[in-house]
PDB file of N, CA and C in Angstrom:
ATOM      1  N   MET A   1     -20.476 -16.549  -7.858  1.00  0.00           N
ATOM      2  CA  MET A   1     -20.125 -15.686  -6.747  1.00  0.00           C
ATOM      3  C   MET A   1     -19.362 -16.453  -5.667  1.00  0.00           C
ATOM      4  N   ALA A   2     -19.652 -17.681  -5.469  1.00  0.00           N
ATOM      5  CA  ALA A   2     -19.015 -18.431  -4.394  1.00  0.00           C
ATOM      6  C   ALA A   2     -17.508 -18.511  -4.569  1.00  0.00           C
ATOM      7  N   TYR A   3     -17.032 -18.722  -5.774  1.00  0.00           N
ATOM      8  CA  TYR A   3     -15.595 -18.813  -5.993  1.00  0.00           C
ATOM      9  C   TYR A   3     -14.914 -17.499  -5.643  1.00  0.00           C
ATOM     10  N   THR A   4     -15.524 -16.399  -5.975  1.00  0.00           N
ATOM     11  CA  THR A   4     -14.918 -15.124  -5.656  1.00  0.00           C
ATOM     12  C   THR A   4     -14.939 -14.861  -4.149  1.00  0.00           C
ATOM     13  N   LEU A   5     -15.919 -15.362  -3.462  1.00  0.00           N
ATOM     14  CA  LEU A   5     -15.927 -15.225  -2.002  1.00  0.00           C
ATOM     15  C   LEU A   5     -14.720 -15.934  -1.398  1.00  0.00           C
ATOM     16  N   LYS A   6     -14.455 -17.126  -1.863  1.00  0.00           N
ATOM     17  CA  LYS A   6     -13.323 -17.885  -1.334  1.00  0.00           C
ATOM     18  C   LYS A   6     -12.002 -17.194  -1.662  1.00  0.00           C
ATOM     19  N   GLN A   7     -11.894 -16.679  -2.880  1.00  0.00           N
ATOM     20  CA  GLN A   7     -10.681 -15.957  -3.271  1.00  0.00           C
ATOM     21  C   GLN A   7     -10.480 -14.719  -2.414  1.00  0.00           C
ATOM     22  N   ALA A   8     -11.537 -13.964  -2.215  1.00  0.00           N
ATOM     23  CA  ALA A   8     -11.444 -12.735  -1.421  1.00  0.00           C
ATOM     24  C   ALA A   8     -11.020 -13.055   0.008  1.00  0.00           C
ATOM     25  N   ARG A   9     -11.558 -14.118   0.564  1.00  0.00           N
ATOM     26  CA  ARG A   9     -11.185 -14.516   1.927  1.00  0.00           C
ATOM     27  C   ARG A   9      -9.711 -14.897   1.986  1.00  0.00           C
ATOM     28  N   ALA A  10      -9.243 -15.625   0.994  1.00  0.00           N
ATOM     29  CA  ALA A  10      -7.842 -16.055   0.961  1.00  0.00           C
ATOM     30  C   ALA A  10      -6.903 -14.857   0.831  1.00  0.00           C
ATOM     31  N   VAL A  11      -7.266 -13.898  -0.006  1.00  0.00           N
ATOM     32  CA  VAL A  11      -6.435 -12.711  -0.193  1.00  0.00           C
ATOM     33  C   VAL A  11      -6.333 -11.915   1.108  1.00  0.00           C
ATOM     34  N   CYS A  12      -7.412 -11.914   1.878  1.00  0.00           N
ATOM     35  CA  CYS A  12      -7.405 -11.207   3.172  1.00  0.00           C
ATOM     36  C   CYS A  12      -6.744 -12.032   4.269  1.00  0.00           C
ATOM     37  N   ASP A  13      -6.306 -13.234   3.917  1.00  0.00           N
ATOM     38  CA  ASP A  13      -5.637 -14.130   4.860  1.00  0.00           C
ATOM     39  C   ASP A  13      -6.512 -14.410   6.082  1.00  0.00           C
ATOM     40  N   LEU A  14      -7.791 -14.675   5.823  1.00  0.00           N
ATOM     41  CA  LEU A  14      -8.728 -15.003   6.889  1.00  0.00           C
ATOM     42  C   LEU A  14      -9.087 -16.480   6.818  1.00  0.00           C
ATOM     43  N   SER A  15      -9.154 -17.109   7.966  1.00  0.00           N
ATOM     44  CA  SER A  15      -9.684 -18.469   7.992  1.00  0.00           C
ATOM     45  C   SER A  15     -11.192 -18.374   7.793  1.00  0.00           C
ATOM     46  N   ARG A  16     -11.811 -19.499   7.492  1.00  0.00           N
ATOM     47  CA  ARG A  16     -13.262 -19.493   7.339  1.00  0.00           C
ATOM     48  C   ARG A  16     -13.921 -19.060   8.657  1.00  0.00           C
ATOM     49  N   ARG A  17     -13.367 -19.500   9.760  1.00  0.00           N
ATOM     50  CA  ARG A  17     -13.920 -19.139  11.071  1.00  0.00           C
ATOM     51  C   ARG A  17     -13.832 -17.629  11.310  1.00  0.00           C
ATOM     52  N   GLU A  18     -12.657 -17.045  11.037  1.00  0.00           N
ATOM     53  CA  GLU A  18     -12.478 -15.601  11.230  1.00  0.00           C
ATOM     54  C   GLU A  18     -13.433 -14.803  10.345  1.00  0.00           C
ATOM     55  N   ALA A  19     -13.549 -15.208   9.094  1.00  0.00           N
ATOM     56  CA  ALA A  19     -14.440 -14.504   8.173  1.00  0.00           C
ATOM     57  C   ALA A  19     -15.891 -14.632   8.611  1.00  0.00           C
ATOM     58  N   ALA A  20     -16.286 -15.821   9.009  1.00  0.00           N
ATOM     59  CA  ALA A  20     -17.665 -16.043   9.457  1.00  0.00           C
ATOM     60  C   ALA A  20     -17.991 -15.167  10.671  1.00  0.00           C
ATOM     61  N   LEU A  21     -17.057 -15.046  11.597  1.00  0.00           N
ATOM     62  CA  LEU A  21     -17.268 -14.197  12.771  1.00  0.00           C
ATOM     63  C   LEU A  21     -17.429 -12.734  12.367  1.00  0.00           C
ATOM     64  N   LYS A  22     -16.607 -12.267  11.448  1.00  0.00           N
ATOM     65  CA  LYS A  22     -16.701 -10.877  10.996  1.00  0.00           C
ATOM     66  C   LYS A  22     -18.023 -10.603  10.284  1.00  0.00           C
ATOM     67  N   ILE A  23     -18.490 -11.582   9.526  1.00  0.00           N
ATOM     68  CA  ILE A  23     -19.726 -11.412   8.758  1.00  0.00           C
ATOM     69  C   ILE A  23     -20.960 -11.646   9.637  1.00  0.00           C
ATOM     70  N   GLY A  24     -20.804 -12.464  10.656  1.00  0.00           N
ATOM     71  CA  GLY A  24     -21.924 -12.747  11.559  1.00  0.00           C
ATOM     72  C   GLY A  24     -22.737 -13.961  11.159  1.00  0.00           C
ATOM     73  N   VAL A  25     -22.052 -14.948  10.567  1.00  0.00           N
ATOM     74  CA  VAL A  25     -22.711 -16.191  10.181  1.00  0.00           C
ATOM     75  C   VAL A  25     -21.888 -17.365  10.687  1.00  0.00           C
ATOM     76  N   SER A  26     -22.433 -18.561  10.559  1.00  0.00           N
ATOM     77  CA  SER A  26     -21.687 -19.748  10.965  1.00  0.00           C
ATOM     78  C   SER A  26     -20.660 -20.115   9.887  1.00  0.00           C
ATOM     79  N   GLU A  27     -19.679 -20.908  10.294  1.00  0.00           N
ATOM     80  CA  GLU A  27     -18.696 -21.394   9.327  1.00  0.00           C
ATOM     81  C   GLU A  27     -19.383 -22.220   8.249  1.00  0.00           C
ATOM     82  N   ASN A  28     -20.385 -22.980   8.640  1.00  0.00           N
ATOM     83  CA  ASN A  28     -21.111 -23.812   7.686  1.00  0.00           C
ATOM     84  C   ASN A  28     -21.829 -22.962   6.634  1.00  0.00           C
ATOM     85  N   THR A  29     -22.418 -21.849   7.080  1.00  0.00           N
ATOM     86  CA  THR A  29     -23.086 -20.953   6.142  1.00  0.00           C
ATOM     87  C   THR A  29     -22.085 -20.385   5.140  1.00  0.00           C
ATOM     88  N   LEU A  30     -20.949 -19.936   5.637  1.00  0.00           N
ATOM     89  CA  LEU A  30     -19.926 -19.389   4.747  1.00  0.00           C
ATOM     90  C   LEU A  30     -19.429 -20.461   3.789  1.00  0.00           C
ATOM     91  N   PHE A  31     -19.234 -21.661   4.273  1.00  0.00           N
ATOM     92  CA  PHE A  31     -18.830 -22.776   3.406  1.00  0.00           C
ATOM     93  C   PHE A  31     -19.861 -22.988   2.299  1.00  0.00           C
ATOM     94  N   ASN A  32     -21.139 -22.952   2.656  1.00  0.00           N
ATOM     95  CA  ASN A  32     -22.199 -23.139   1.661  1.00  0.00           C
ATOM     96  C   ASN A  32     -22.172 -22.039   0.606  1.00  0.00           C
ATOM     97  N   TRP A  33     -21.905 -20.818   1.013  1.00  0.00           N
ATOM     98  CA  TRP A  33     -21.797 -19.718   0.059  1.00  0.00           C
ATOM     99  C   TRP A  33     -20.609 -19.942  -0.873  1.00  0.00           C
ATOM    100  N   GLU A  34     -19.490 -20.350  -0.298  1.00  0.00           N
ATOM    101  CA  GLU A  34     -18.275 -20.534  -1.092  1.00  0.00           C
ATOM    102  C   GLU A  34     -18.378 -21.705  -2.059  1.00  0.00           C
ATOM    103  N   THR A  35     -19.212 -22.668  -1.748  1.00  0.00           N
ATOM    104  CA  THR A  35     -19.353 -23.855  -2.598  1.00  0.00           C
ATOM    105  C   THR A  35     -20.646 -23.832  -3.411  1.00  0.00           C
ATOM    106  N   ARG A  36     -21.303 -22.699  -3.437  1.00  0.00           N
ATOM    107  CA  ARG A  36     -22.518 -22.482  -4.234  1.00  0.00           C
ATOM    108  C   ARG A  36     -23.696 -23.365  -3.839  1.00  0.00           C
ATOM    109  N   LYS A  37     -23.699 -23.834  -2.605  1.00  0.00           N
ATOM    110  CA  LYS A  37     -24.859 -24.584  -2.117  1.00  0.00           C
ATOM    111  C   LYS A  37     -25.977 -23.633  -1.727  1.00  0.00           C
ATOM    112  N   SER A  38     -25.603 -22.405  -1.386  1.00  0.00           N
ATOM    113  CA  SER A  38     -26.566 -21.339  -1.099  1.00  0.00           C
ATOM    114  C   SER A  38     -25.857 -20.015  -1.365  1.00  0.00           C
ATOM    115  N   TYR A  39     -26.611 -18.934  -1.281  1.00  0.00           N
ATOM    116  CA  TYR A  39     -26.059 -17.613  -1.571  1.00  0.00           C
ATOM    117  C   TYR A  39     -26.399 -16.647  -0.446  1.00  0.00           C
ATOM    118  N   PRO A  40     -25.548 -15.672  -0.189  1.00  0.00           N
ATOM    119  CA  PRO A  40     -25.828 -14.718   0.887  1.00  0.00           C
ATOM    120  C   PRO A  40     -27.023 -13.835   0.562  1.00  0.00           C
ATOM    121  N   GLY A  41     -27.800 -13.540   1.586  1.00  0.00           N
ATOM    122  CA  GLY A  41     -28.886 -12.581   1.438  1.00  0.00           C
ATOM    123  C   GLY A  41     -28.324 -11.175   1.320  1.00  0.00           C
ATOM    124  N   LEU A  42     -29.144 -10.291   0.830  1.00  0.00           N
ATOM    125  CA  LEU A  42     -28.698  -8.904   0.623  1.00  0.00           C
ATOM    126  C   LEU A  42     -28.209  -8.238   1.906  1.00  0.00           C
ATOM    127  N   ILE A  43     -28.764  -8.603   3.042  1.00  0.00           N
ATOM    128  CA  ILE A  43     -28.334  -7.961   4.297  1.00  0.00           C
ATOM    129  C   ILE A  43     -26.887  -8.301   4.640  1.00  0.00           C
ATOM    130  N   TYR A  44     -26.351  -9.375   4.065  1.00  0.00           N
ATOM    131  CA  TYR A  44     -24.975  -9.768   4.361  1.00  0.00           C
ATOM    132  C   TYR A  44     -23.949  -9.131   3.427  1.00  0.00           C
ATOM    133  N   ILE A  45     -24.383  -8.569   2.325  1.00  0.00           N
ATOM    134  CA  ILE A  45     -23.435  -8.005   1.358  1.00  0.00           C
ATOM    135  C   ILE A  45     -22.551  -6.919   1.989  1.00  0.00           C
ATOM    136  N   PRO A  46     -23.111  -5.927   2.710  1.00  0.00           N
ATOM    137  CA  PRO A  46     -22.231  -4.923   3.333  1.00  0.00           C
ATOM    138  C   PRO A  46     -21.252  -5.537   4.347  1.00  0.00           C
ATOM    139  N   LYS A  47     -21.687  -6.571   5.046  1.00  0.00           N
ATOM    140  CA  LYS A  47     -20.814  -7.230   6.020  1.00  0.00           C
ATOM    141  C   LYS A  47     -19.686  -7.985   5.316  1.00  0.00           C
ATOM    142  N   ILE A  48     -20.008  -8.602   4.190  1.00  0.00           N
ATOM    143  CA  ILE A  48     -18.991  -9.305   3.405  1.00  0.00           C
ATOM    144  C   ILE A  48     -17.976  -8.308   2.855  1.00  0.00           C
ATOM    145  N   LEU A  49     -18.481  -7.215   2.309  1.00  0.00           N
ATOM    146  CA  LEU A  49     -17.578  -6.195   1.765  1.00  0.00           C
ATOM    147  C   LEU A  49     -16.640  -5.666   2.840  1.00  0.00           C
ATOM    148  N   ALA A  50     -17.170  -5.411   4.025  1.00  0.00           N
ATOM    149  CA  ALA A  50     -16.344  -4.903   5.123  1.00  0.00           C
ATOM    150  C   ALA A  50     -15.321  -5.947   5.572  1.00  0.00           C
ATOM    151  N   ALA A  51     -15.747  -7.186   5.706  1.00  0.00           N
ATOM    152  CA  ALA A  51     -14.847  -8.245   6.169  1.00  0.00           C
ATOM    153  C   ALA A  51     -13.691  -8.454   5.200  1.00  0.00           C
ATOM    154  N   TYR A  52     -13.975  -8.321   3.902  1.00  0.00           N
ATOM    155  CA  TYR A  52     -12.963  -8.561   2.889  1.00  0.00           C
ATOM    156  C   TYR A  52     -12.344  -7.271   2.357  1.00  0.00           C
ATOM    157  N   GLN A  53     -12.640  -6.169   3.021  1.00  0.00           N
ATOM    158  CA  GLN A  53     -12.064  -4.860   2.704  1.00  0.00           C
ATOM    159  C   GLN A  53     -12.271  -4.487   1.235  1.00  0.00           C
ATOM    160  N   LEU A  54     -13.488  -4.676   0.756  1.00  0.00           N
ATOM    161  CA  LEU A  54     -13.840  -4.340  -0.616  1.00  0.00           C
ATOM    162  C   LEU A  54     -14.681  -3.072  -0.614  1.00  0.00           C
ATOM    163  N   GLN A  55     -14.626  -2.322  -1.697  1.00  0.00           N
ATOM    164  CA  GLN A  55     -15.297  -1.038  -1.776  1.00  0.00           C
ATOM    165  C   GLN A  55     -16.747  -1.132  -2.226  1.00  0.00           C
ATOM    166  N   SER A  56     -17.051  -2.066  -3.115  1.00  0.00           N
ATOM    167  CA  SER A  56     -18.412  -2.160  -3.630  1.00  0.00           C
ATOM    168  C   SER A  56     -18.719  -3.590  -4.047  1.00  0.00           C
ATOM    169  N   ILE A  57     -19.969  -3.846  -4.328  1.00  0.00           N
ATOM    170  CA  ILE A  57     -20.381  -5.164  -4.786  1.00  0.00           C
ATOM    171  C   ILE A  57     -19.663  -5.536  -6.086  1.00  0.00           C
ATOM    172  N   ASP A  58     -19.342  -4.544  -6.892  1.00  0.00           N
ATOM    173  CA  ASP A  58     -18.601  -4.820  -8.129  1.00  0.00           C
ATOM    174  C   ASP A  58     -17.237  -5.429  -7.841  1.00  0.00           C
ATOM    175  N   ASP A  59     -16.604  -5.007  -6.767  1.00  0.00           N
ATOM    176  CA  ASP A  59     -15.310  -5.577  -6.389  1.00  0.00           C
ATOM    177  C   ASP A  59     -15.455  -7.044  -6.018  1.00  0.00           C
ATOM    178  N   LEU A  60     -16.554  -7.384  -5.416  1.00  0.00           N
ATOM    179  CA  LEU A  60     -16.781  -8.766  -5.020  1.00  0.00           C
ATOM    180  C   LEU A  60     -17.102  -9.632  -6.230  1.00  0.00           C
ATOM    181  N   ILE A  61     -17.952  -9.192  -7.072  1.00  0.00           N
ATOM    182  CA  ILE A  61     -18.366  -9.973  -8.224  1.00  0.00           C
ATOM    183  C   ILE A  61     -17.213 -10.171  -9.204  1.00  0.00           C
ATOM    184  N   PHE A  62     -16.451  -9.115  -9.435  1.00  0.00           N
ATOM    185  CA  PHE A  62     -15.376  -9.188 -10.424  1.00  0.00           C
ATOM    186  C   PHE A  62     -13.997  -9.302  -9.799  1.00  0.00           C
ATOM    187  N   PHE A  63     -13.932  -9.591  -8.521  1.00  0.00           N
ATOM    188  CA  PHE A  63     -12.673  -9.661  -7.810  1.00  0.00           C
ATOM    189  C   PHE A  63     -11.805 -10.775  -8.388  1.00  0.00           C
ATOM    190  N   ASP A  64     -10.532 -10.474  -8.618  1.00  0.00           N
ATOM    191  CA  ASP A  64      -9.585 -11.445  -9.130  1.00  0.00           C
ATOM    192  C   ASP A  64      -8.311 -11.324  -8.323  1.00  0.00           C
ATOM    193  N   ALA A  65      -7.878 -12.384  -7.688  1.00  0.00           N
ATOM    194  CA  ALA A  65      -6.690 -12.361  -6.820  1.00  0.00           C
ATOM    195  C   ALA A  65      -5.429 -12.000  -7.606  1.00  0.00           C
ATOM    196  N   LYS A  66      -5.464 -12.132  -8.913  1.00  0.00           N
ATOM    197  CA  LYS A  66      -4.294 -11.810  -9.739  1.00  0.00           C
ATOM    198  C   LYS A  66      -4.099 -10.305  -9.876  1.00  0.00           C
ATOM    199  N   ASP A  67      -5.161  -9.516  -9.656  1.00  0.00           N
ATOM    200  CA  ASP A  67      -5.073  -8.049  -9.788  1.00  0.00           C
ATOM    201  C   ASP A  67      -4.334  -7.420  -8.635  1.00  0.00           C
TER     202      ASP A  67
END
């Protein structure tokens, strides 16, 4: 999941700081999610989807920047 988080952020042209602010977490937390050191809790999934303009969790899990 972490790799797709980073891809989704890049496609939205958001810096890590901008994305973290939209989601409501620290830059360090977002970095940890993107590098698989930790994973977002369920309460953050809707915030992640909104920040990255995704429709559902399926878009996040299977998101591919090539599509």
